[in-house]
Amino acid sequence: MEFFEGRFKWRNKTFHELHPMDQMFFLHYPVSLAELKDPTRKKILETFLRVNTTGKPQKPAHIEKVKKALLEEK
């Protein structure tokens, strides 16, 4: 949201400074969303790992950090 509101820059430009075709790219970029009912920290960590290890995964170091946090929840 910060990017679309002009408060965050990507490649040294705000959203409104981009070429219209680049704006369309961002507007139509698919984003995964997961809604949890009564989320616990454990459920949040498990869902994060499930969502971010399929498709285009997060960096391995970040995945390991979340796995470690999940082990601490048990």
PDB file of N, CA and C in Angstrom:
ATOM      1  N   MET A   1       0.820  -1.185   0.000  1.00  0.00           N
ATOM      2  CA  MET A   1       0.000   0.000   0.000  1.00  0.00           C
ATOM      3  C   MET A   1       0.866   1.251   0.000  1.00  0.00           C
ATOM      4  N   GLU A   2       1.980   1.204   0.740  1.00  0.00           N
ATOM      5  CA  GLU A   2       2.857   2.373   0.773  1.00  0.00           C
ATOM      6  C   GLU A   2       3.352   2.727  -0.626  1.00  0.00           C
ATOM      7  N   PHE A   3       3.636   1.724  -1.431  1.00  0.00           N
ATOM      8  CA  PHE A   3       4.103   1.973  -2.801  1.00  0.00           C
ATOM      9  C   PHE A   3       3.004   2.644  -3.621  1.00  0.00           C
ATOM     10  N   PHE A   4       1.798   2.129  -3.570  1.00  0.00           N
ATOM     11  CA  PHE A   4       0.689   2.696  -4.341  1.00  0.00           C
ATOM     12  C   PHE A   4       0.310   4.102  -3.859  1.00  0.00           C
ATOM     13  N   GLU A   5       0.566   4.373  -2.589  1.00  0.00           N
ATOM     14  CA  GLU A   5       0.258   5.691  -2.037  1.00  0.00           C
ATOM     15  C   GLU A   5       1.400   6.683  -2.212  1.00  0.00           C
ATOM     16  N   GLY A   6       2.497   6.251  -2.838  1.00  0.00           N
ATOM     17  CA  GLY A   6       3.619   7.142  -3.100  1.00  0.00           C
ATOM     18  C   GLY A   6       4.561   7.338  -1.924  1.00  0.00           C
ATOM     19  N   ARG A   7       4.459   6.487  -0.900  1.00  0.00           N
ATOM     20  CA  ARG A   7       5.320   6.623   0.278  1.00  0.00           C
ATOM     21  C   ARG A   7       6.520   5.685   0.238  1.00  0.00           C
ATOM     22  N   PHE A   8       6.613   4.853  -0.799  1.00  0.00           N
ATOM     23  CA  PHE A   8       7.690   3.883  -0.931  1.00  0.00           C
ATOM     24  C   PHE A   8       8.127   3.869  -2.381  1.00  0.00           C
ATOM     25  N   LYS A   9       9.440   3.830  -2.625  1.00  0.00           N
ATOM     26  CA  LYS A   9       9.948   3.825  -3.999  1.00  0.00           C
ATOM     27  C   LYS A   9      10.427   2.436  -4.393  1.00  0.00           C
ATOM     28  N   TRP A  10      10.213   2.102  -5.643  1.00  0.00           N
ATOM     29  CA  TRP A  10      10.725   0.875  -6.249  1.00  0.00           C
ATOM     30  C   TRP A  10      11.585   1.319  -7.422  1.00  0.00           C
ATOM     31  N   ARG A  11      12.837   0.894  -7.425  1.00  0.00           N
ATOM     32  CA  ARG A  11      13.788   1.329  -8.455  1.00  0.00           C
ATOM     33  C   ARG A  11      13.812   2.850  -8.563  1.00  0.00           C
ATOM     34  N   ASN A  12      13.791   3.485  -7.407  1.00  0.00           N
ATOM     35  CA  ASN A  12      13.887   4.936  -7.264  1.00  0.00           C
ATOM     36  C   ASN A  12      12.700   5.710  -7.839  1.00  0.00           C
ATOM     37  N   LYS A  13      11.539   5.049  -7.962  1.00  0.00           N
ATOM     38  CA  LYS A  13      10.334   5.718  -8.452  1.00  0.00           C
ATOM     39  C   LYS A  13       9.135   5.320  -7.607  1.00  0.00           C
ATOM     40  N   THR A  14       8.217   6.258  -7.427  1.00  0.00           N
ATOM     41  CA  THR A  14       6.952   5.926  -6.785  1.00  0.00           C
ATOM     42  C   THR A  14       6.032   5.328  -7.852  1.00  0.00           C
ATOM     43  N   PHE A  15       4.925   4.757  -7.411  1.00  0.00           N
ATOM     44  CA  PHE A  15       3.978   4.145  -8.346  1.00  0.00           C
ATOM     45  C   PHE A  15       3.534   5.136  -9.429  1.00  0.00           C
ATOM     46  N   HIS A  16       3.230   6.363  -9.020  1.00  0.00           N
ATOM     47  CA  HIS A  16       2.699   7.355  -9.961  1.00  0.00           C
ATOM     48  C   HIS A  16       3.746   7.878 -10.942  1.00  0.00           C
ATOM     49  N   GLU A  17       5.029   7.625 -10.660  1.00  0.00           N
ATOM     50  CA  GLU A  17       6.103   8.033 -11.573  1.00  0.00           C
ATOM     51  C   GLU A  17       6.400   6.969 -12.626  1.00  0.00           C
ATOM     52  N   LEU A  18       5.813   5.795 -12.484  1.00  0.00           N
ATOM     53  CA  LEU A  18       6.058   4.709 -13.433  1.00  0.00           C
ATOM     54  C   LEU A  18       5.321   4.943 -14.744  1.00  0.00           C
ATOM     55  N   HIS A  19       5.846   4.326 -15.789  1.00  0.00           N
ATOM     56  CA  HIS A  19       5.176   4.322 -17.089  1.00  0.00           C
ATOM     57  C   HIS A  19       3.837   3.597 -16.902  1.00  0.00           C
ATOM     58  N   PRO A  20       2.781   4.000 -17.616  1.00  0.00           N
ATOM     59  CA  PRO A  20       1.472   3.351 -17.466  1.00  0.00           C
ATOM     60  C   PRO A  20       1.507   1.828 -17.624  1.00  0.00           C
ATOM     61  N   MET A  21       2.355   1.311 -18.511  1.00  0.00           N
ATOM     62  CA  MET A  21       2.432  -0.160 -18.670  1.00  0.00           C
ATOM     63  C   MET A  21       3.014  -0.803 -17.413  1.00  0.00           C
ATOM     64  N   ASP A  22       3.978  -0.142 -16.784  1.00  0.00           N
ATOM     65  CA  ASP A  22       4.541  -0.673 -15.546  1.00  0.00           C
ATOM     66  C   ASP A  22       3.521  -0.588 -14.411  1.00  0.00           C
ATOM     67  N   GLN A  23       2.719   0.459 -14.393  1.00  0.00           N
ATOM     68  CA  GLN A  23       1.654   0.559 -13.397  1.00  0.00           C
ATOM     69  C   GLN A  23       0.672  -0.596 -13.566  1.00  0.00           C
ATOM     70  N   MET A  24       0.330  -0.923 -14.800  1.00  0.00           N
ATOM     71  CA  MET A  24      -0.592  -2.037 -15.070  1.00  0.00           C
ATOM     72  C   MET A  24      -0.006  -3.355 -14.565  1.00  0.00           C
ATOM     73  N   PHE A  25       1.313  -3.526 -14.725  1.00  0.00           N
ATOM     74  CA  PHE A  25       1.971  -4.737 -14.239  1.00  0.00           C
ATOM     75  C   PHE A  25       1.722  -4.885 -12.735  1.00  0.00           C
ATOM     76  N   PHE A  26       1.949  -3.822 -11.981  1.00  0.00           N
ATOM     77  CA  PHE A  26       1.745  -3.873 -10.532  1.00  0.00           C
ATOM     78  C   PHE A  26       0.275  -4.059 -10.169  1.00  0.00           C
ATOM     79  N   LEU A  27      -0.604  -3.399 -10.888  1.00  0.00           N
ATOM     80  CA  LEU A  27      -2.031  -3.502 -10.582  1.00  0.00           C
ATOM     81  C   LEU A  27      -2.587  -4.892 -10.824  1.00  0.00           C
ATOM     82  N   HIS A  28      -1.982  -5.637 -11.749  1.00  0.00           N
ATOM     83  CA  HIS A  28      -2.480  -6.967 -12.090  1.00  0.00           C
ATOM     84  C   HIS A  28      -1.585  -8.098 -11.592  1.00  0.00           C
ATOM     85  N   TYR A  29      -0.612  -7.772 -10.751  1.00  0.00           N
ATOM     86  CA  TYR A  29       0.288  -8.787 -10.226  1.00  0.00           C
ATOM     87  C   TYR A  29      -0.455  -9.642  -9.202  1.00  0.00           C
ATOM     88  N   PRO A  30      -0.423 -10.964  -9.353  1.00  0.00           N
ATOM     89  CA  PRO A  30      -1.148 -11.825  -8.407  1.00  0.00           C
ATOM     90  C   PRO A  30      -0.467 -11.842  -7.036  1.00  0.00           C
ATOM     91  N   VAL A  31      -1.268 -11.776  -6.000  1.00  0.00           N
ATOM     92  CA  VAL A  31      -0.771 -11.800  -4.626  1.00  0.00           C
ATOM     93  C   VAL A  31      -1.522 -12.890  -3.868  1.00  0.00           C
ATOM     94  N   SER A  32      -0.764 -13.731  -3.173  1.00  0.00           N
ATOM     95  CA  SER A  32      -1.382 -14.784  -2.366  1.00  0.00           C
ATOM     96  C   SER A  32      -1.856 -14.193  -1.051  1.00  0.00           C
ATOM     97  N   LEU A  33      -2.989 -14.673  -0.603  1.00  0.00           N
ATOM     98  CA  LEU A  33      -3.563 -14.195   0.643  1.00  0.00           C
ATOM     99  C   LEU A  33      -4.128 -15.389   1.394  1.00  0.00           C
ATOM    100  N   ALA A  34      -3.871 -15.429   2.681  1.00  0.00           N
ATOM    101  CA  ALA A  34      -4.423 -16.492   3.511  1.00  0.00           C
ATOM    102  C   ALA A  34      -5.140 -15.843   4.689  1.00  0.00           C
ATOM    103  N   GLU A  35      -6.373 -16.254   4.917  1.00  0.00           N
ATOM    104  CA  GLU A  35      -7.135 -15.749   6.048  1.00  0.00           C
ATOM    105  C   GLU A  35      -7.291 -16.872   7.059  1.00  0.00           C
ATOM    106  N   LEU A  36      -6.904 -16.607   8.284  1.00  0.00           N
ATOM    107  CA  LEU A  36      -6.978 -17.623   9.331  1.00  0.00           C
ATOM    108  C   LEU A  36      -8.042 -17.245  10.345  1.00  0.00           C
ATOM    109  N   LYS A  37      -8.844 -18.220  10.716  1.00  0.00           N
ATOM    110  CA  LYS A  37      -9.835 -18.009  11.766  1.00  0.00           C
ATOM    111  C   LYS A  37      -9.166 -18.322  13.101  1.00  0.00           C
ATOM    112  N   ASP A  38      -9.312 -17.455  14.071  1.00  0.00           N
ATOM    113  CA  ASP A  38      -8.699 -17.613  15.392  1.00  0.00           C
ATOM    114  C   ASP A  38      -7.220 -17.999  15.293  1.00  0.00           C
ATOM    115  N   PRO A  39      -6.411 -17.147  14.655  1.00  0.00           N
ATOM    116  CA  PRO A  39      -5.012 -17.515  14.450  1.00  0.00           C
ATOM    117  C   PRO A  39      -4.201 -17.531  15.744  1.00  0.00           C
ATOM    118  N   THR A  40      -3.433 -18.579  15.892  1.00  0.00           N
ATOM    119  CA  THR A  40      -2.444 -18.639  16.965  1.00  0.00           C
ATOM    120  C   THR A  40      -1.100 -18.387  16.302  1.00  0.00           C
ATOM    121  N   ARG A  41      -0.099 -18.094  17.076  1.00  0.00           N
ATOM    122  CA  ARG A  41       1.233 -17.886  16.491  1.00  0.00           C
ATOM    123  C   ARG A  41       1.666 -19.136  15.721  1.00  0.00           C
ATOM    124  N   LYS A  42       1.370 -20.319  16.284  1.00  0.00           N
ATOM    125  CA  LYS A  42       1.741 -21.572  15.631  1.00  0.00           C
ATOM    126  C   LYS A  42       1.051 -21.696  14.268  1.00  0.00           C
ATOM    127  N   LYS A  43      -0.257 -21.396  14.200  1.00  0.00           N
ATOM    128  CA  LYS A  43      -0.984 -21.473  12.929  1.00  0.00           C
ATOM    129  C   LYS A  43      -0.414 -20.482  11.909  1.00  0.00           C
ATOM    130  N   ILE A  44      -0.067 -19.289  12.377  1.00  0.00           N
ATOM    131  CA  ILE A  44       0.493 -18.280  11.482  1.00  0.00           C
ATOM    132  C   ILE A  44       1.820 -18.761  10.900  1.00  0.00           C
ATOM    133  N   LEU A  45       2.689 -19.301  11.742  1.00  0.00           N
ATOM    134  CA  LEU A  45       3.993 -19.791  11.270  1.00  0.00           C
ATOM    135  C   LEU A  45       3.826 -20.962  10.311  1.00  0.00           C
ATOM    136  N   GLU A  46       2.942 -21.906  10.633  1.00  0.00           N
ATOM    137  CA  GLU A  46       2.709 -23.055   9.753  1.00  0.00           C
ATOM    138  C   GLU A  46       2.169 -22.604   8.403  1.00  0.00           C
ATOM    139  N   THR A  47       1.231 -21.660   8.415  1.00  0.00           N
ATOM    140  CA  THR A  47       0.653 -21.157   7.164  1.00  0.00           C
ATOM    141  C   THR A  47       1.706 -20.419   6.352  1.00  0.00           C
ATOM    142  N   PHE A  48       2.523 -19.617   7.003  1.00  0.00           N
ATOM    143  CA  PHE A  48       3.597 -18.910   6.308  1.00  0.00           C
ATOM    144  C   PHE A  48       4.491 -19.899   5.573  1.00  0.00           C
ATOM    145  N   LEU A  49       4.896 -20.963   6.266  1.00  0.00           N
ATOM    146  CA  LEU A  49       5.767 -21.955   5.633  1.00  0.00           C
ATOM    147  C   LEU A  49       5.076 -22.654   4.474  1.00  0.00           C
ATOM    148  N   ARG A  50       3.815 -22.994   4.633  1.00  0.00           N
ATOM    149  CA  ARG A  50       3.074 -23.670   3.568  1.00  0.00           C
ATOM    150  C   ARG A  50       2.947 -22.768   2.335  1.00  0.00           C
ATOM    151  N   VAL A  51       2.620 -21.497   2.552  1.00  0.00           N
ATOM    152  CA  VAL A  51       2.415 -20.562   1.444  1.00  0.00           C
ATOM    153  C   VAL A  51       3.739 -20.198   0.761  1.00  0.00           C
ATOM    154  N   ASN A  52       4.804 -20.051   1.539  1.00  0.00           N
ATOM    155  CA  ASN A  52       6.052 -19.536   0.993  1.00  0.00           C
ATOM    156  C   ASN A  52       7.077 -20.592   0.615  1.00  0.00           C
ATOM    157  N   THR A  53       6.703 -21.858   0.645  1.00  0.00           N
ATOM    158  CA  THR A  53       7.610 -22.899   0.159  1.00  0.00           C
ATOM    159  C   THR A  53       7.045 -23.581  -1.074  1.00  0.00           C
ATOM    160  N   THR A  54       5.964 -23.063  -1.609  1.00  0.00           N
ATOM    161  CA  THR A  54       5.416 -23.533  -2.879  1.00  0.00           C
ATOM    162  C   THR A  54       5.445 -22.350  -3.837  1.00  0.00           C
ATOM    163  N   GLY A  55       5.412 -22.624  -5.128  1.00  0.00           N
ATOM    164  CA  GLY A  55       5.475 -21.518  -6.090  1.00  0.00           C
ATOM    165  C   GLY A  55       6.828 -20.854  -6.029  1.00  0.00           C
ATOM    166  N   LYS A  56       6.862 -19.560  -5.806  1.00  0.00           N
ATOM    167  CA  LYS A  56       8.120 -18.817  -5.697  1.00  0.00           C
ATOM    168  C   LYS A  56       8.423 -18.635  -4.213  1.00  0.00           C
ATOM    169  N   PRO A  57       9.316 -19.459  -3.646  1.00  0.00           N
ATOM    170  CA  PRO A  57       9.561 -19.425  -2.212  1.00  0.00           C
ATOM    171  C   PRO A  57      10.364 -18.203  -1.758  1.00  0.00           C
ATOM    172  N   GLN A  58      10.301 -17.983  -0.451  1.00  0.00           N
ATOM    173  CA  GLN A  58      11.108 -16.947   0.195  1.00  0.00           C
ATOM    174  C   GLN A  58      12.567 -17.399   0.203  1.00  0.00           C
ATOM    175  N   LYS A  59      13.439 -16.508   0.607  1.00  0.00           N
ATOM    176  CA  LYS A  59      14.860 -16.848   0.714  1.00  0.00           C
ATOM    177  C   LYS A  59      15.030 -17.930   1.780  1.00  0.00           C
ATOM    178  N   PRO A  60      15.945 -18.881   1.549  1.00  0.00           N
ATOM    179  CA  PRO A  60      16.146 -19.977   2.502  1.00  0.00           C
ATOM    180  C   PRO A  60      16.418 -19.510   3.930  1.00  0.00           C
ATOM    181  N   ALA A  61      17.163 -18.433   4.103  1.00  0.00           N
ATOM    182  CA  ALA A  61      17.469 -17.954   5.456  1.00  0.00           C
ATOM    183  C   ALA A  61      16.201 -17.527   6.186  1.00  0.00           C
ATOM    184  N   HIS A  62      15.266 -16.918   5.469  1.00  0.00           N
ATOM    185  CA  HIS A  62      14.020 -16.486   6.091  1.00  0.00           C
ATOM    186  C   HIS A  62      13.147 -17.688   6.448  1.00  0.00           C
ATOM    187  N   ILE A  63      13.103 -18.676   5.564  1.00  0.00           N
ATOM    188  CA  ILE A  63      12.350 -19.905   5.834  1.00  0.00           C
ATOM    189  C   ILE A  63      12.913 -20.592   7.078  1.00  0.00           C
ATOM    190  N   GLU A  64      14.224 -20.664   7.190  1.00  0.00           N
ATOM    191  CA  GLU A  64      14.841 -21.300   8.356  1.00  0.00           C
ATOM    192  C   GLU A  64      14.515 -20.539   9.644  1.00  0.00           C
ATOM    193  N   LYS A  65      14.478 -19.219   9.570  1.00  0.00           N
ATOM    194  CA  LYS A  65      14.137 -18.406  10.733  1.00  0.00           C
ATOM    195  C   LYS A  65      12.714 -18.719  11.214  1.00  0.00           C
ATOM    196  N   VAL A  66      11.780 -18.873  10.265  1.00  0.00           N
ATOM    197  CA  VAL A  66      10.395 -19.178  10.629  1.00  0.00           C
ATOM    198  C   VAL A  66      10.291 -20.609  11.148  1.00  0.00           C
ATOM    199  N   LYS A  67      11.018 -21.540  10.540  1.00  0.00           N
ATOM    200  CA  LYS A  67      11.010 -22.926  11.031  1.00  0.00           C
ATOM    201  C   LYS A  67      11.509 -22.986  12.476  1.00  0.00           C
ATOM    202  N   LYS A  68      12.557 -22.224  12.768  1.00  0.00           N
ATOM    203  CA  LYS A  68      13.088 -22.184  14.132  1.00  0.00           C
ATOM    204  C   LYS A  68      12.045 -21.623  15.100  1.00  0.00           C
ATOM    205  N   ALA A  69      11.372 -20.563  14.688  1.00  0.00           N
ATOM    206  CA  ALA A  69      10.323 -19.965  15.538  1.00  0.00           C
ATOM    207  C   ALA A  69       9.193 -20.946  15.769  1.00  0.00           C
ATOM    208  N   LEU A  70       8.855 -21.727  14.731  1.00  0.00           N
ATOM    209  CA  LEU A  70       7.790 -22.717  14.872  1.00  0.00           C
ATOM    210  C   LEU A  70       8.180 -23.806  15.862  1.00  0.00           C
ATOM    211  N   LEU A  71       9.422 -24.269  15.805  1.00  0.00           N
ATOM    212  CA  LEU A  71       9.878 -25.280  16.752  1.00  0.00           C
ATOM    213  C   LEU A  71       9.804 -24.768  18.196  1.00  0.00           C
ATOM    214  N   GLU A  72      10.041 -23.482  18.380  1.00  0.00           N
ATOM    215  CA  GLU A  72       9.980 -22.898  19.712  1.00  0.00           C
ATOM    216  C   GLU A  72       8.546 -22.830  20.232  1.00  0.00           C
ATOM    217  N   GLU A  73       7.547 -22.882  19.323  1.00  0.00           N
ATOM    218  CA  GLU A  73       6.131 -22.819  19.707  1.00  0.00           C
ATOM    219  C   GLU A  73       5.624 -24.147  20.226  1.00  0.00           C
ATOM    220  N   LYS A  74       6.287 -25.234  19.913  1.00  0.00           N
ATOM    221  CA  LYS A  74       5.780 -26.568  20.279  1.00  0.00           C
ATOM    222  C   LYS A  74       5.997 -26.906  21.711  1.00  0.00           C
TER     223      LYS A  74
END
